[in-house]
PDB file of all heavy atoms in Angstrom:
ATOM      1  N   GLY A   1       6.780   1.020   5.853  1.00  0.00           N
ATOM      2  CA  GLY A   1       5.836   1.431   4.801  1.00  0.00           C
ATOM      3  C   GLY A   1       4.460   1.638   5.374  1.00  0.00           C
ATOM      4  O   GLY A   1       4.225   1.638   6.611  1.00  0.00           O
ATOM      5  N   THR A   2       3.501   1.914   4.444  1.00  0.00           N
ATOM      6  CA  THR A   2       2.117   2.113   4.787  1.00  0.00           C
ATOM      7  C   THR A   2       1.298   1.190   3.981  1.00  0.00           C
ATOM      8  O   THR A   2       1.590   0.750   2.889  1.00  0.00           O
ATOM      9  CB  THR A   2       1.710   3.562   4.491  1.00  0.00           C
ATOM     10  OG1 THR A   2       1.857   3.821   3.119  1.00  0.00           O
ATOM     11  CG2 THR A   2       2.539   4.555   5.327  1.00  0.00           C
ATOM     12  N   VAL A   3       0.078   0.897   4.570  1.00  0.00           N
ATOM     13  CA  VAL A   3      -0.900   0.081   3.890  1.00  0.00           C
ATOM     14  C   VAL A   3      -2.279   0.833   3.947  1.00  0.00           C
ATOM     15  O   VAL A   3      -2.678   1.322   5.009  1.00  0.00           O
ATOM     16  CB  VAL A   3      -1.102  -1.280   4.583  1.00  0.00           C
ATOM     17  CG1 VAL A   3      -2.323  -2.015   3.964  1.00  0.00           C
ATOM     18  CG2 VAL A   3       0.120  -2.122   4.458  1.00  0.00           C
ATOM     19  N   ASP A   4      -2.902   0.959   2.785  1.00  0.00           N
ATOM     20  CA  ASP A   4      -4.214   1.521   2.683  1.00  0.00           C
ATOM     21  C   ASP A   4      -5.124   0.443   2.155  1.00  0.00           C
ATOM     22  O   ASP A   4      -4.861  -0.153   1.136  1.00  0.00           O
ATOM     23  CB  ASP A   4      -4.247   2.762   1.772  1.00  0.00           C
ATOM     24  CG  ASP A   4      -3.468   3.907   2.353  1.00  0.00           C
ATOM     25  OD1 ASP A   4      -3.748   4.272   3.501  1.00  0.00           O
ATOM     26  OD2 ASP A   4      -2.665   4.440   1.650  1.00  0.00           O
ATOM     27  N   ILE A   5      -6.218   0.187   2.847  1.00  0.00           N
ATOM     28  CA  ILE A   5      -7.205  -0.847   2.410  1.00  0.00           C
ATOM     29  C   ILE A   5      -8.588  -0.158   2.323  1.00  0.00           C
ATOM     30  O   ILE A   5      -9.023   0.528   3.234  1.00  0.00           O
ATOM     31  CB  ILE A   5      -7.277  -1.966   3.474  1.00  0.00           C
ATOM     32  CG1 ILE A   5      -5.933  -2.653   3.659  1.00  0.00           C
ATOM     33  CG2 ILE A   5      -8.359  -2.945   3.036  1.00  0.00           C
ATOM     34  CD1 ILE A   5      -5.854  -3.627   4.802  1.00  0.00           C
ATOM     35  N   VAL A   6      -9.151  -0.357   1.087  1.00  0.00           N
ATOM     36  CA  VAL A   6     -10.431   0.223   0.816  1.00  0.00           C
ATOM     37  C   VAL A   6     -11.369  -0.931   0.418  1.00  0.00           C
ATOM     38  O   VAL A   6     -11.000  -1.660  -0.552  1.00  0.00           O
ATOM     39  CB  VAL A   6     -10.388   1.312  -0.275  1.00  0.00           C
ATOM     40  CG1 VAL A   6     -11.817   1.851  -0.568  1.00  0.00           C
ATOM     41  CG2 VAL A   6      -9.459   2.418   0.081  1.00  0.00           C
ATOM     42  N   SER A   7     -12.453  -1.122   1.140  1.00  0.00           N
ATOM     43  CA  SER A   7     -13.338  -2.193   0.886  1.00  0.00           C
ATOM     44  C   SER A   7     -14.744  -1.827   1.342  1.00  0.00           C
ATOM     45  O   SER A   7     -14.921  -1.014   2.244  1.00  0.00           O
ATOM     46  CB  SER A   7     -12.950  -3.465   1.565  1.00  0.00           C
ATOM     47  OG  SER A   7     -13.733  -4.551   1.097  1.00  0.00           O
ATOM     48  N   CYS A   8     -15.711  -2.296   0.553  1.00  0.00           N
ATOM     49  CA  CYS A   8     -17.104  -2.076   0.893  1.00  0.00           C
ATOM     50  C   CYS A   8     -17.874  -3.334   0.509  1.00  0.00           C
ATOM     51  O   CYS A   8     -17.570  -3.957  -0.492  1.00  0.00           O
ATOM     52  CB  CYS A   8     -17.624  -0.829   0.174  1.00  0.00           C
ATOM     53  SG  CYS A   8     -19.251  -0.451   0.508  1.00  0.00           S
ATOM     54  N   VAL A   9     -18.832  -3.722   1.401  1.00  0.00           N
ATOM     55  CA  VAL A   9     -19.524  -4.937   1.095  1.00  0.00           C
ATOM     56  C   VAL A   9     -20.177  -4.836  -0.310  1.00  0.00           C
ATOM     57  O   VAL A   9     -20.781  -3.862  -0.552  1.00  0.00           O
ATOM     58  CB  VAL A   9     -20.629  -5.168   2.225  1.00  0.00           C
ATOM     59  CG1 VAL A   9     -21.502  -6.309   1.848  1.00  0.00           C
ATOM     60  CG2 VAL A   9     -19.983  -5.378   3.555  1.00  0.00           C
ATOM     61  N   GLY A  10     -19.946  -5.828  -1.101  1.00  0.00           N
ATOM     62  CA  GLY A  10     -20.418  -5.884  -2.435  1.00  0.00           C
ATOM     63  C   GLY A  10     -19.621  -5.192  -3.499  1.00  0.00           C
ATOM     64  O   GLY A  10     -19.948  -5.252  -4.709  1.00  0.00           O
ATOM     65  N   SER A  11     -18.519  -4.548  -3.115  1.00  0.00           N
ATOM     66  CA  SER A  11     -17.748  -3.814  -4.134  1.00  0.00           C
ATOM     67  C   SER A  11     -16.287  -4.144  -4.243  1.00  0.00           C
ATOM     68  O   SER A  11     -15.522  -3.392  -4.829  1.00  0.00           O
ATOM     69  CB  SER A  11     -17.856  -2.307  -3.708  1.00  0.00           C
ATOM     70  OG  SER A  11     -19.143  -1.851  -3.777  1.00  0.00           O
ATOM     71  N   GLY A  12     -15.843  -5.244  -3.749  1.00  0.00           N
ATOM     72  CA  GLY A  12     -14.437  -5.632  -3.871  1.00  0.00           C
ATOM     73  C   GLY A  12     -13.542  -4.907  -2.931  1.00  0.00           C
ATOM     74  O   GLY A  12     -14.012  -4.157  -2.049  1.00  0.00           O
ATOM     75  N   THR A  13     -12.256  -5.070  -3.085  1.00  0.00           N
ATOM     76  CA  THR A  13     -11.301  -4.550  -2.108  1.00  0.00           C
ATOM     77  C   THR A  13     -10.060  -4.100  -2.939  1.00  0.00           C
ATOM     78  O   THR A  13      -9.662  -4.755  -3.903  1.00  0.00           O
ATOM     79  CB  THR A  13     -10.860  -5.654  -1.136  1.00  0.00           C
ATOM     80  OG1 THR A  13     -12.051  -6.078  -0.390  1.00  0.00           O
ATOM     81  CG2 THR A  13      -9.882  -5.127  -0.122  1.00  0.00           C
ATOM     82  N   VAL A  14      -9.460  -2.995  -2.416  1.00  0.00           N
ATOM     83  CA  VAL A  14      -8.139  -2.569  -2.980  1.00  0.00           C
ATOM     84  C   VAL A  14      -7.244  -2.444  -1.820  1.00  0.00           C
ATOM     85  O   VAL A  14      -7.515  -1.840  -0.778  1.00  0.00           O
ATOM     86  CB  VAL A  14      -8.267  -1.182  -3.658  1.00  0.00           C
ATOM     87  CG1 VAL A  14      -6.898  -0.695  -4.086  1.00  0.00           C
ATOM     88  CG2 VAL A  14      -9.308  -1.296  -4.794  1.00  0.00           C
ATOM     89  N   ILE A  15      -6.042  -3.102  -1.940  1.00  0.00           N
ATOM     90  CA  ILE A  15      -5.029  -3.027  -0.929  1.00  0.00           C
ATOM     91  C   ILE A  15      -3.802  -2.321  -1.625  1.00  0.00           C
ATOM     92  O   ILE A  15      -3.342  -2.779  -2.552  1.00  0.00           O
ATOM     93  CB  ILE A  15      -4.609  -4.421  -0.361  1.00  0.00           C
ATOM     94  CG1 ILE A  15      -5.796  -5.068   0.243  1.00  0.00           C
ATOM     95  CG2 ILE A  15      -3.435  -4.267   0.616  1.00  0.00           C
ATOM     96  CD1 ILE A  15      -5.572  -6.469   0.650  1.00  0.00           C
ATOM     97  N   GLU A  16      -3.377  -1.176  -0.971  1.00  0.00           N
ATOM     98  CA  GLU A  16      -2.216  -0.485  -1.544  1.00  0.00           C
ATOM     99  C   GLU A  16      -1.109  -0.387  -0.494  1.00  0.00           C
ATOM    100  O   GLU A  16      -1.350   0.128   0.551  1.00  0.00           O
ATOM    101  CB  GLU A  16      -2.616   0.853  -2.008  1.00  0.00           C
ATOM    102  CG  GLU A  16      -1.469   1.667  -2.684  1.00  0.00           C
ATOM    103  CD  GLU A  16      -1.969   2.932  -3.247  1.00  0.00           C
ATOM    104  OE1 GLU A  16      -3.059   3.014  -3.909  1.00  0.00           O
ATOM    105  OE2 GLU A  16      -1.280   3.999  -3.002  1.00  0.00           O
ATOM    106  N   THR A  17       0.064  -0.984  -0.802  1.00  0.00           N
ATOM    107  CA  THR A  17       1.198  -0.965   0.142  1.00  0.00           C
ATOM    108  C   THR A  17       2.252  -0.039  -0.542  1.00  0.00           C
ATOM    109  O   THR A  17       2.575  -0.269  -1.726  1.00  0.00           O
ATOM    110  CB  THR A  17       1.796  -2.393   0.294  1.00  0.00           C
ATOM    111  OG1 THR A  17       0.671  -3.170   0.838  1.00  0.00           O
ATOM    112  CG2 THR A  17       2.878  -2.380   1.299  1.00  0.00           C
ATOM    113  N   THR A  18       2.816   0.878   0.229  1.00  0.00           N
ATOM    114  CA  THR A  18       3.881   1.726  -0.258  1.00  0.00           C
ATOM    115  C   THR A  18       5.057   1.595   0.680  1.00  0.00           C
ATOM    116  O   THR A  18       4.875   1.753   1.871  1.00  0.00           O
ATOM    117  CB  THR A  18       3.388   3.197  -0.384  1.00  0.00           C
ATOM    118  OG1 THR A  18       2.236   3.230  -1.207  1.00  0.00           O
ATOM    119  CG2 THR A  18       4.478   4.107  -0.892  1.00  0.00           C
ATOM    120  N   ILE A  19       6.197   1.315   0.065  1.00  0.00           N
ATOM    121  CA  ILE A  19       7.441   1.234   0.913  1.00  0.00           C
ATOM    122  C   ILE A  19       8.504   2.120   0.266  1.00  0.00           C
ATOM    123  O   ILE A  19       8.810   2.059  -0.893  1.00  0.00           O
ATOM    124  CB  ILE A  19       7.934  -0.244   0.854  1.00  0.00           C
ATOM    125  CG1 ILE A  19       6.833  -1.108   1.544  1.00  0.00           C
ATOM    126  CG2 ILE A  19       9.272  -0.393   1.593  1.00  0.00           C
ATOM    127  CD1 ILE A  19       7.065  -2.618   1.455  1.00  0.00           C
ATOM    128  N   ARG A  20       9.086   2.925   1.160  1.00  0.00           N
ATOM    129  CA  ARG A  20      10.189   3.821   0.727  1.00  0.00           C
ATOM    130  C   ARG A  20      11.441   2.961   0.400  1.00  0.00           C
ATOM    131  O   ARG A  20      11.777   2.041   1.112  1.00  0.00           O
ATOM    132  CB  ARG A  20      10.498   4.850   1.709  1.00  0.00           C
ATOM    133  CG  ARG A  20       9.333   5.820   1.954  1.00  0.00           C
ATOM    134  CD  ARG A  20       9.687   7.039   2.741  1.00  0.00           C
ATOM    135  NE  ARG A  20      10.764   7.910   2.236  1.00  0.00           N
ATOM    136  CZ  ARG A  20      10.574   8.741   1.154  1.00  0.00           C
ATOM    137  NH1 ARG A  20       9.451   8.780   0.530  1.00  0.00           N
ATOM    138  NH2 ARG A  20      11.554   9.520   0.795  1.00  0.00           N
ATOM    139  N   LEU A  21      12.188   3.341  -0.647  1.00  0.00           N
ATOM    140  CA  LEU A  21      13.354   2.636  -0.987  1.00  0.00           C
ATOM    141  C   LEU A  21      14.577   3.354  -0.390  1.00  0.00           C
ATOM    142  O   LEU A  21      14.571   4.585  -0.335  1.00  0.00           O
ATOM    143  CB  LEU A  21      13.563   2.535  -2.500  1.00  0.00           C
ATOM    144  CG  LEU A  21      12.443   1.736  -3.234  1.00  0.00           C
ATOM    145  CD1 LEU A  21      12.611   1.942  -4.705  1.00  0.00           C
ATOM    146  CD2 LEU A  21      12.438   0.306  -2.833  1.00  0.00           C
ATOM    147  N   ASP A  22      15.593   2.589  -0.061  1.00  0.00           N
ATOM    148  CA  ASP A  22      16.843   3.203   0.469  1.00  0.00           C
ATOM    149  C   ASP A  22      17.649   3.675  -0.771  1.00  0.00           C
ATOM    150  O   ASP A  22      18.088   2.870  -1.572  1.00  0.00           O
ATOM    151  CB  ASP A  22      17.678   2.136   1.188  1.00  0.00           C
ATOM    152  CG  ASP A  22      18.944   2.712   1.768  1.00  0.00           C
ATOM    153  OD1 ASP A  22      19.159   3.961   1.684  1.00  0.00           O
ATOM    154  OD2 ASP A  22      19.816   1.890   2.226  1.00  0.00           O
ATOM    155  N   THR A  23      17.740   4.990  -0.933  1.00  0.00           N
ATOM    156  CA  THR A  23      18.403   5.583  -2.109  1.00  0.00           C
ATOM    157  C   THR A  23      19.849   5.901  -1.786  1.00  0.00           C
ATOM    158  O   THR A  23      20.575   6.431  -2.623  1.00  0.00           O
ATOM    159  CB  THR A  23      17.656   6.768  -2.614  1.00  0.00           C
ATOM    160  OG1 THR A  23      17.542   7.728  -1.528  1.00  0.00           O
ATOM    161  CG2 THR A  23      16.288   6.473  -3.119  1.00  0.00           C
ATOM    162  N   ASN A  24      20.340   5.584  -0.561  1.00  0.00           N
ATOM    163  CA  ASN A  24      21.718   5.915  -0.208  1.00  0.00           C
ATOM    164  C   ASN A  24      22.585   4.614  -0.378  1.00  0.00           C
ATOM    165  O   ASN A  24      22.966   3.982   0.589  1.00  0.00           O
ATOM    166  CB  ASN A  24      21.780   6.408   1.236  1.00  0.00           C
ATOM    167  CG  ASN A  24      21.007   7.663   1.449  1.00  0.00           C
ATOM    168  OD1 ASN A  24      21.070   8.530   0.580  1.00  0.00           O
ATOM    169  ND2 ASN A  24      20.354   7.802   2.544  1.00  0.00           N
ATOM    170  N   HIS A  25      22.908   4.301  -1.578  1.00  0.00           N
ATOM    171  CA  HIS A  25      23.775   3.149  -1.879  1.00  0.00           C
ATOM    172  C   HIS A  25      25.221   3.563  -2.065  1.00  0.00           C
ATOM    173  O   HIS A  25      25.694   3.669  -3.135  1.00  0.00           O
ATOM    174  CB  HIS A  25      23.316   2.422  -3.139  1.00  0.00           C
ATOM    175  CG  HIS A  25      21.901   1.895  -3.054  1.00  0.00           C
ATOM    176  ND1 HIS A  25      21.578   0.812  -2.234  1.00  0.00           N
ATOM    177  CD2 HIS A  25      20.785   2.361  -3.542  1.00  0.00           C
ATOM    178  CE1 HIS A  25      20.258   0.644  -2.380  1.00  0.00           C
ATOM    179  NE2 HIS A  25      19.751   1.474  -3.164  1.00  0.00           N
ATOM    180  N   GLU A  26      25.855   3.903  -0.993  1.00  0.00           N
ATOM    181  CA  GLU A  26      27.249   4.340  -1.068  1.00  0.00           C
ATOM    182  C   GLU A  26      28.211   3.268  -0.867  1.00  0.00           C
ATOM    183  O   GLU A  26      28.086   2.244  -0.272  1.00  0.00           O
ATOM    184  CB  GLU A  26      27.501   5.452   0.012  1.00  0.00           C
ATOM    185  CG  GLU A  26      26.606   6.652  -0.234  1.00  0.00           C
ATOM    186  CD  GLU A  26      26.854   7.752   0.818  1.00  0.00           C
ATOM    187  OE1 GLU A  26      27.845   7.706   1.549  1.00  0.00           O
ATOM    188  OE2 GLU A  26      25.990   8.587   0.888  1.00  0.00           O
TER     189      GLU A  26
END
């Protein structure tokens, strides 16, 4: 997966993690 972190002093933080799902359930 990927992680995006956005933060700035005095403005809080956003952490976004995205993970691909295995869609091949055979």
